[in-house]
């Protein structure tokens, strides 16, 4: 089973890298770009075949290592 985890900063947490990306895009002539938030994508391949168990394990991974849950949120996408 394949999984993709999206980790982004929670709303209200300052995102200086996102702000820098937005300014750079505006400077390159992309004036329609407003607020930019950056994050990370983590792709994992799991040997687990049970979706509920895989999701539970991924939540545990995110809570323990993949995301700093004080300032970040995460979203899990599973593909069989």
PDB file of N, CA and C in Angstrom:
ATOM      1  N   UNK A   1       0.844  -1.166   0.000  1.00  0.00           N
ATOM      2  CA  UNK A   1       0.000   0.000   0.000  1.00  0.00           C
ATOM      3  C   UNK A   1       0.897   1.238   0.000  1.00  0.00           C
ATOM      4  N   UNK A   2       0.512   2.226  -0.776  1.00  0.00           N
ATOM      5  CA  UNK A   2       1.279   3.468  -0.844  1.00  0.00           C
ATOM      6  C   UNK A   2       0.545   4.556  -0.085  1.00  0.00           C
ATOM      7  N   UNK A   3       1.331   5.409   0.533  1.00  0.00           N
ATOM      8  CA  UNK A   3       0.757   6.512   1.295  1.00  0.00           C
ATOM      9  C   UNK A   3       1.487   7.800   0.953  1.00  0.00           C
ATOM     10  N   UNK A   4       0.752   8.876   0.992  1.00  0.00           N
ATOM     11  CA  UNK A   4       1.336  10.204   0.818  1.00  0.00           C
ATOM     12  C   UNK A   4       0.852  11.050   1.994  1.00  0.00           C
ATOM     13  N   UNK A   5       1.802  11.687   2.660  1.00  0.00           N
ATOM     14  CA  UNK A   5       1.489  12.537   3.810  1.00  0.00           C
ATOM     15  C   UNK A   5       1.843  13.972   3.436  1.00  0.00           C
ATOM     16  N   UNK A   6       0.879  14.865   3.598  1.00  0.00           N
ATOM     17  CA  UNK A   6       1.077  16.293   3.364  1.00  0.00           C
ATOM     18  C   UNK A   6       1.206  16.971   4.725  1.00  0.00           C
ATOM     19  N   UNK A   7       2.303  17.674   4.941  1.00  0.00           N
ATOM     20  CA  UNK A   7       2.526  18.370   6.206  1.00  0.00           C
ATOM     21  C   UNK A   7       2.637  19.859   5.902  1.00  0.00           C
ATOM     22  N   UNK A   8       1.792  20.662   6.559  1.00  0.00           N
ATOM     23  CA  UNK A   8       1.817  22.109   6.372  1.00  0.00           C
ATOM     24  C   UNK A   8       1.693  22.792   7.722  1.00  0.00           C
ATOM     25  N   UNK A   9       2.078  24.044   7.748  1.00  0.00           N
ATOM     26  CA  UNK A   9       1.946  24.813   8.980  1.00  0.00           C
ATOM     27  C   UNK A   9       0.465  25.075   9.263  1.00  0.00           C
ATOM     28  N   UNK A  10       0.120  25.076  10.529  1.00  0.00           N
ATOM     29  CA  UNK A  10      -1.257  25.382  10.918  1.00  0.00           C
ATOM     30  C   UNK A  10      -1.565  26.839  10.594  1.00  0.00           C
ATOM     31  N   UNK A  11      -2.850  27.122  10.381  1.00  0.00           N
ATOM     32  CA  UNK A  11      -3.282  28.505  10.158  1.00  0.00           C
ATOM     33  C   UNK A  11      -2.887  29.336  11.371  1.00  0.00           C
ATOM     34  N   UNK A  12      -2.401  30.534  11.122  1.00  0.00           N
ATOM     35  CA  UNK A  12      -1.993  31.416  12.209  1.00  0.00           C
ATOM     36  C   UNK A  12      -0.515  31.323  12.543  1.00  0.00           C
ATOM     37  N   UNK A  13       0.159  30.283  12.055  1.00  0.00           N
ATOM     38  CA  UNK A  13       1.602  30.149  12.268  1.00  0.00           C
ATOM     39  C   UNK A  13       2.309  30.869  11.121  1.00  0.00           C
ATOM     40  N   UNK A  14       3.244  31.754  11.473  1.00  0.00           N
ATOM     41  CA  UNK A  14       3.956  32.505  10.450  1.00  0.00           C
ATOM     42  C   UNK A  14       4.735  31.561   9.535  1.00  0.00           C
ATOM     43  N   UNK A  15       4.724  31.883   8.244  1.00  0.00           N
ATOM     44  CA  UNK A  15       5.389  31.056   7.246  1.00  0.00           C
ATOM     45  C   UNK A  15       6.338  31.935   6.434  1.00  0.00           C
ATOM     46  N   UNK A  16       7.544  32.214   6.966  1.00  0.00           N
ATOM     47  CA  UNK A  16       8.463  33.101   6.249  1.00  0.00           C
ATOM     48  C   UNK A  16       8.901  32.537   4.902  1.00  0.00           C
ATOM     49  N   UNK A  17       9.038  31.233   4.775  1.00  0.00           N
ATOM     50  CA  UNK A  17       9.430  30.648   3.497  1.00  0.00           C
ATOM     51  C   UNK A  17       8.313  30.830   2.469  1.00  0.00           C
ATOM     52  N   UNK A  18       7.072  30.635   2.883  1.00  0.00           N
ATOM     53  CA  UNK A  18       5.936  30.868   1.992  1.00  0.00           C
ATOM     54  C   UNK A  18       5.873  32.319   1.551  1.00  0.00           C
ATOM     55  N   UNK A  19       6.146  33.229   2.492  1.00  0.00           N
ATOM     56  CA  UNK A  19       6.135  34.655   2.171  1.00  0.00           C
ATOM     57  C   UNK A  19       7.236  34.979   1.152  1.00  0.00           C
ATOM     58  N   UNK A  20       8.417  34.382   1.327  1.00  0.00           N
ATOM     59  CA  UNK A  20       9.522  34.621   0.390  1.00  0.00           C
ATOM     60  C   UNK A  20       9.183  34.079  -0.996  1.00  0.00           C
ATOM     61  N   UNK A  21       8.544  32.919  -1.052  1.00  0.00           N
ATOM     62  CA  UNK A  21       8.132  32.344  -2.341  1.00  0.00           C
ATOM     63  C   UNK A  21       7.124  33.268  -3.019  1.00  0.00           C
ATOM     64  N   UNK A  22       6.163  33.763  -2.251  1.00  0.00           N
ATOM     65  CA  UNK A  22       5.160  34.678  -2.800  1.00  0.00           C
ATOM     66  C   UNK A  22       5.779  35.946  -3.358  1.00  0.00           C
ATOM     67  N   UNK A  23       6.729  36.539  -2.605  1.00  0.00           N
ATOM     68  CA  UNK A  23       7.406  37.756  -3.079  1.00  0.00           C
ATOM     69  C   UNK A  23       8.196  37.470  -4.353  1.00  0.00           C
ATOM     70  N   UNK A  24       8.890  36.327  -4.398  1.00  0.00           N
ATOM     71  CA  UNK A  24       9.669  35.978  -5.584  1.00  0.00           C
ATOM     72  C   UNK A  24       8.763  35.791  -6.800  1.00  0.00           C
ATOM     73  N   UNK A  25       7.637  35.131  -6.615  1.00  0.00           N
ATOM     74  CA  UNK A  25       6.697  34.940  -7.725  1.00  0.00           C
ATOM     75  C   UNK A  25       6.149  36.275  -8.214  1.00  0.00           C
ATOM     76  N   UNK A  26       5.803  37.160  -7.275  1.00  0.00           N
ATOM     77  CA  UNK A  26       5.339  38.499  -7.664  1.00  0.00           C
ATOM     78  C   UNK A  26       6.429  39.233  -8.442  1.00  0.00           C
ATOM     79  N   UNK A  27       7.690  39.102  -7.982  1.00  0.00           N
ATOM     80  CA  UNK A  27       8.817  39.749  -8.650  1.00  0.00           C
ATOM     81  C   UNK A  27       9.068  39.196 -10.048  1.00  0.00           C
ATOM     82  N   UNK A  28       8.671  37.970 -10.290  1.00  0.00           N
ATOM     83  CA  UNK A  28       8.821  37.359 -11.610  1.00  0.00           C
ATOM     84  C   UNK A  28       7.640  37.664 -12.535  1.00  0.00           C
ATOM     85  N   UNK A  29       6.730  38.500 -12.049  1.00  0.00           N
ATOM     86  CA  UNK A  29       5.618  38.915 -12.895  1.00  0.00           C
ATOM     87  C   UNK A  29       4.321  38.158 -12.665  1.00  0.00           C
ATOM     88  N   UNK A  30       4.287  37.288 -11.680  1.00  0.00           N
ATOM     89  CA  UNK A  30       3.055  36.551 -11.366  1.00  0.00           C
ATOM     90  C   UNK A  30       2.266  37.333 -10.315  1.00  0.00           C
ATOM     91  N   UNK A  31       1.704  38.447 -10.733  1.00  0.00           N
ATOM     92  CA  UNK A  31       1.017  39.354  -9.827  1.00  0.00           C
ATOM     93  C   UNK A  31      -0.273  38.814  -9.252  1.00  0.00           C
ATOM     94  N   UNK A  32      -0.829  37.777  -9.850  1.00  0.00           N
ATOM     95  CA  UNK A  32      -2.089  37.218  -9.354  1.00  0.00           C
ATOM     96  C   UNK A  32      -1.884  36.339  -8.127  1.00  0.00           C
ATOM     97  N   UNK A  33      -0.626  36.054  -7.772  1.00  0.00           N
ATOM     98  CA  UNK A  33      -0.348  35.201  -6.616  1.00  0.00           C
ATOM     99  C   UNK A  33      -0.540  36.008  -5.345  1.00  0.00           C
ATOM    100  N   UNK A  34      -1.371  35.478  -4.456  1.00  0.00           N
ATOM    101  CA  UNK A  34      -1.602  36.120  -3.167  1.00  0.00           C
ATOM    102  C   UNK A  34      -0.767  35.443  -2.099  1.00  0.00           C
ATOM    103  N   UNK A  35      -1.422  35.028  -1.032  1.00  0.00           N
ATOM    104  CA  UNK A  35      -0.718  34.376   0.072  1.00  0.00           C
ATOM    105  C   UNK A  35      -0.216  33.001  -0.365  1.00  0.00           C
ATOM    106  N   UNK A  36       0.999  32.676   0.044  1.00  0.00           N
ATOM    107  CA  UNK A  36       1.605  31.378  -0.258  1.00  0.00           C
ATOM    108  C   UNK A  36       1.956  30.693   1.057  1.00  0.00           C
ATOM    109  N   UNK A  37       1.600  29.420   1.171  1.00  0.00           N
ATOM    110  CA  UNK A  37       1.978  28.588   2.318  1.00  0.00           C
ATOM    111  C   UNK A  37       2.755  27.406   1.761  1.00  0.00           C
ATOM    112  N   UNK A  38       3.884  27.111   2.342  1.00  0.00           N
ATOM    113  CA  UNK A  38       4.681  25.986   1.865  1.00  0.00           C
ATOM    114  C   UNK A  38       4.589  24.843   2.858  1.00  0.00           C
ATOM    115  N   UNK A  39       4.927  23.661   2.378  1.00  0.00           N
ATOM    116  CA  UNK A  39       4.882  22.487   3.232  1.00  0.00           C
ATOM    117  C   UNK A  39       5.769  21.410   2.658  1.00  0.00           C
ATOM    118  N   UNK A  40       5.512  20.186   3.068  1.00  0.00           N
ATOM    119  CA  UNK A  40       6.303  19.073   2.549  1.00  0.00           C
ATOM    120  C   UNK A  40       5.395  17.891   2.265  1.00  0.00           C
ATOM    121  N   UNK A  41       5.844  17.050   1.332  1.00  0.00           N
ATOM    122  CA  UNK A  41       5.125  15.830   0.961  1.00  0.00           C
ATOM    123  C   UNK A  41       6.054  14.661   1.252  1.00  0.00           C
ATOM    124  N   UNK A  42       5.526  13.646   1.919  1.00  0.00           N
ATOM    125  CA  UNK A  42       6.306  12.459   2.250  1.00  0.00           C
ATOM    126  C   UNK A  42       5.588  11.251   1.651  1.00  0.00           C
ATOM    127  N   UNK A  43       6.269  10.523   0.769  1.00  0.00           N
ATOM    128  CA  UNK A  43       5.717   9.313   0.160  1.00  0.00           C
ATOM    129  C   UNK A  43       6.281   8.099   0.880  1.00  0.00           C
ATOM    130  N   UNK A  44       5.404   7.181   1.252  1.00  0.00           N
ATOM    131  CA  UNK A  44       5.811   5.964   1.945  1.00  0.00           C
ATOM    132  C   UNK A  44       5.193   4.755   1.271  1.00  0.00           C
ATOM    133  N   UNK A  45       5.903   3.657   1.305  1.00  0.00           N
ATOM    134  CA  UNK A  45       5.362   2.395   0.838  1.00  0.00           C
ATOM    135  C   UNK A  45       5.258   1.488   2.056  1.00  0.00           C
ATOM    136  N   UNK A  46       4.061   0.968   2.300  1.00  0.00           N
ATOM    137  CA  UNK A  46       3.793   0.146   3.481  1.00  0.00           C
ATOM    138  C   UNK A  46       3.488  -1.289   3.063  1.00  0.00           C
ATOM    139  N   UNK A  47       3.918  -2.238   3.887  1.00  0.00           N
ATOM    140  CA  UNK A  47       3.593  -3.642   3.613  1.00  0.00           C
ATOM    141  C   UNK A  47       2.208  -4.002   4.150  1.00  0.00           C
ATOM    142  N   UNK A  48       1.625  -3.120   4.959  1.00  0.00           N
ATOM    143  CA  UNK A  48       0.287  -3.348   5.535  1.00  0.00           C
ATOM    144  C   UNK A  48      -0.759  -3.339   4.425  1.00  0.00           C
ATOM    145  N   UNK A  49      -1.689  -4.294   4.461  1.00  0.00           N
ATOM    146  CA  UNK A  49      -2.749  -4.361   3.447  1.00  0.00           C
ATOM    147  C   UNK A  49      -4.098  -3.907   3.990  1.00  0.00           C
ATOM    148  N   UNK A  50      -4.231  -3.834   5.310  1.00  0.00           N
ATOM    149  CA  UNK A  50      -5.470  -3.390   5.938  1.00  0.00           C
ATOM    150  C   UNK A  50      -5.452  -1.864   6.023  1.00  0.00           C
ATOM    151  N   UNK A  51      -6.419  -1.224   5.373  1.00  0.00           N
ATOM    152  CA  UNK A  51      -6.429   0.242   5.309  1.00  0.00           C
ATOM    153  C   UNK A  51      -6.535   0.891   6.685  1.00  0.00           C
ATOM    154  N   UNK A  52      -7.377   0.350   7.547  1.00  0.00           N
ATOM    155  CA  UNK A  52      -7.549   0.935   8.884  1.00  0.00           C
ATOM    156  C   UNK A  52      -6.249   0.847   9.688  1.00  0.00           C
ATOM    157  N   UNK A  53      -5.570  -0.295   9.595  1.00  0.00           N
ATOM    158  CA  UNK A  53      -4.304  -0.454  10.320  1.00  0.00           C
ATOM    159  C   UNK A  53      -3.224   0.456   9.741  1.00  0.00           C
ATOM    160  N   UNK A  54      -3.211   0.582   8.414  1.00  0.00           N
ATOM    161  CA  UNK A  54      -2.237   1.454   7.764  1.00  0.00           C
ATOM    162  C   UNK A  54      -2.461   2.904   8.181  1.00  0.00           C
ATOM    163  N   UNK A  55      -3.720   3.327   8.185  1.00  0.00           N
ATOM    164  CA  UNK A  55      -4.033   4.705   8.568  1.00  0.00           C
ATOM    165  C   UNK A  55      -3.651   4.960  10.033  1.00  0.00           C
ATOM    166  N   UNK A  56      -3.922   3.986  10.905  1.00  0.00           N
ATOM    167  CA  UNK A  56      -3.564   4.128  12.318  1.00  0.00           C
ATOM    168  C   UNK A  56      -2.050   4.237  12.483  1.00  0.00           C
ATOM    169  N   UNK A  57      -1.308   3.412  11.741  1.00  0.00           N
ATOM    170  CA  UNK A  57       0.152   3.456  11.818  1.00  0.00           C
ATOM    171  C   UNK A  57       0.680   4.793  11.293  1.00  0.00           C
ATOM    172  N   UNK A  58       0.102   5.273  10.204  1.00  0.00           N
ATOM    173  CA  UNK A  58       0.530   6.553   9.643  1.00  0.00           C
ATOM    174  C   UNK A  58       0.238   7.710  10.591  1.00  0.00           C
ATOM    175  N   UNK A  59      -0.922   7.685  11.231  1.00  0.00           N
ATOM    176  CA  UNK A  59      -1.225   8.720  12.227  1.00  0.00           C
ATOM    177  C   UNK A  59      -0.181   8.711  13.330  1.00  0.00           C
ATOM    178  N   UNK A  60       0.184   7.516  13.784  1.00  0.00           N
ATOM    179  CA  UNK A  60       1.191   7.378  14.829  1.00  0.00           C
ATOM    180  C   UNK A  60       2.542   7.923  14.351  1.00  0.00           C
ATOM    181  N   UNK A  61       2.918   7.609  13.099  1.00  0.00           N
ATOM    182  CA  UNK A  61       4.171   8.114  12.532  1.00  0.00           C
ATOM    183  C   UNK A  61       4.181   9.642  12.490  1.00  0.00           C
ATOM    184  N   UNK A  62       3.066  10.210  12.085  1.00  0.00           N
ATOM    185  CA  UNK A  62       2.969  11.674  12.000  1.00  0.00           C
ATOM    186  C   UNK A  62       3.066  12.312  13.372  1.00  0.00           C
ATOM    187  N   UNK A  63       2.367  11.734  14.331  1.00  0.00           N
ATOM    188  CA  UNK A  63       2.363  12.290  15.681  1.00  0.00           C
ATOM    189  C   UNK A  63       3.738  12.192  16.346  1.00  0.00           C
ATOM    190  N   UNK A  64       4.494  11.133  16.014  1.00  0.00           N
ATOM    191  CA  UNK A  64       5.783  10.901  16.671  1.00  0.00           C
ATOM    192  C   UNK A  64       6.980  11.496  15.936  1.00  0.00           C
ATOM    193  N   UNK A  65       6.897  11.609  14.590  1.00  0.00           N
ATOM    194  CA  UNK A  65       8.090  12.027  13.854  1.00  0.00           C
ATOM    195  C   UNK A  65       7.835  12.953  12.674  1.00  0.00           C
ATOM    196  N   UNK A  66       6.894  12.621  11.827  1.00  0.00           N
ATOM    197  CA  UNK A  66       6.776  13.302  10.544  1.00  0.00           C
ATOM    198  C   UNK A  66       6.273  14.734  10.634  1.00  0.00           C
ATOM    199  N   UNK A  67       5.495  15.047  11.662  1.00  0.00           N
ATOM    200  CA  UNK A  67       4.955  16.404  11.807  1.00  0.00           C
ATOM    201  C   UNK A  67       5.189  16.910  13.231  1.00  0.00           C
ATOM    202  N   UNK A  68       5.475  18.177  13.340  1.00  0.00           N
ATOM    203  CA  UNK A  68       5.540  18.832  14.649  1.00  0.00           C
ATOM    204  C   UNK A  68       4.128  19.339  14.922  1.00  0.00           C
ATOM    205  N   UNK A  69       3.342  18.541  15.635  1.00  0.00           N
ATOM    206  CA  UNK A  69       1.912  18.821  15.761  1.00  0.00           C
ATOM    207  C   UNK A  69       1.590  20.072  16.577  1.00  0.00           C
ATOM    208  N   UNK A  70       2.600  20.683  17.171  1.00  0.00           N
ATOM    209  CA  UNK A  70       2.369  21.954  17.852  1.00  0.00           C
ATOM    210  C   UNK A  70       2.100  23.049  16.828  1.00  0.00           C
ATOM    211  N   UNK A  71       2.843  23.013  15.716  1.00  0.00           N
ATOM    212  CA  UNK A  71       2.712  24.074  14.710  1.00  0.00           C
ATOM    213  C   UNK A  71       2.307  23.568  13.331  1.00  0.00           C
ATOM    214  N   UNK A  72       2.284  22.239  13.146  1.00  0.00           N
ATOM    215  CA  UNK A  72       1.970  21.688  11.826  1.00  0.00           C
ATOM    216  C   UNK A  72       0.734  20.796  11.870  1.00  0.00           C
ATOM    217  N   UNK A  73       0.067  20.725  10.725  1.00  0.00           N
ATOM    218  CA  UNK A  73      -1.042  19.793  10.548  1.00  0.00           C
ATOM    219  C   UNK A  73      -0.646  18.836   9.432  1.00  0.00           C
ATOM    220  N   UNK A  74      -1.315  17.698   9.383  1.00  0.00           N
ATOM    221  CA  UNK A  74      -0.983  16.724   8.350  1.00  0.00           C
ATOM    222  C   UNK A  74      -2.242  16.107   7.784  1.00  0.00           C
ATOM    223  N   UNK A  75      -2.091  15.627   6.560  1.00  0.00           N
ATOM    224  CA  UNK A  75      -3.189  14.982   5.843  1.00  0.00           C
ATOM    225  C   UNK A  75      -2.611  13.708   5.225  1.00  0.00           C
ATOM    226  N   UNK A  76      -3.361  12.622   5.325  1.00  0.00           N
ATOM    227  CA  UNK A  76      -2.897  11.324   4.825  1.00  0.00           C
ATOM    228  C   UNK A  76      -3.741  10.893   3.634  1.00  0.00           C
ATOM    229  N   UNK A  77      -3.049  10.446   2.582  1.00  0.00           N
ATOM    230  CA  UNK A  77      -3.716   9.924   1.389  1.00  0.00           C
ATOM    231  C   UNK A  77      -3.212   8.483   1.178  1.00  0.00           C
ATOM    232  N   UNK A  78      -4.111   7.527   1.099  1.00  0.00           N
ATOM    233  CA  UNK A  78      -3.739   6.133   0.901  1.00  0.00           C
ATOM    234  C   UNK A  78      -4.147   5.642  -0.477  1.00  0.00           C
ATOM    235  N   UNK A  79      -3.290   4.801  -1.074  1.00  0.00           N
ATOM    236  CA  UNK A  79      -3.593   4.170  -2.358  1.00  0.00           C
ATOM    237  C   UNK A  79      -3.262   2.698  -2.241  1.00  0.00           C
ATOM    238  N   UNK A  80      -4.184   1.848  -2.624  1.00  0.00           N
ATOM    239  CA  UNK A  80      -3.957   0.397  -2.526  1.00  0.00           C
ATOM    240  C   UNK A  80      -2.965  -0.082  -3.551  1.00  0.00           C
TER     241      UNK A  80
END
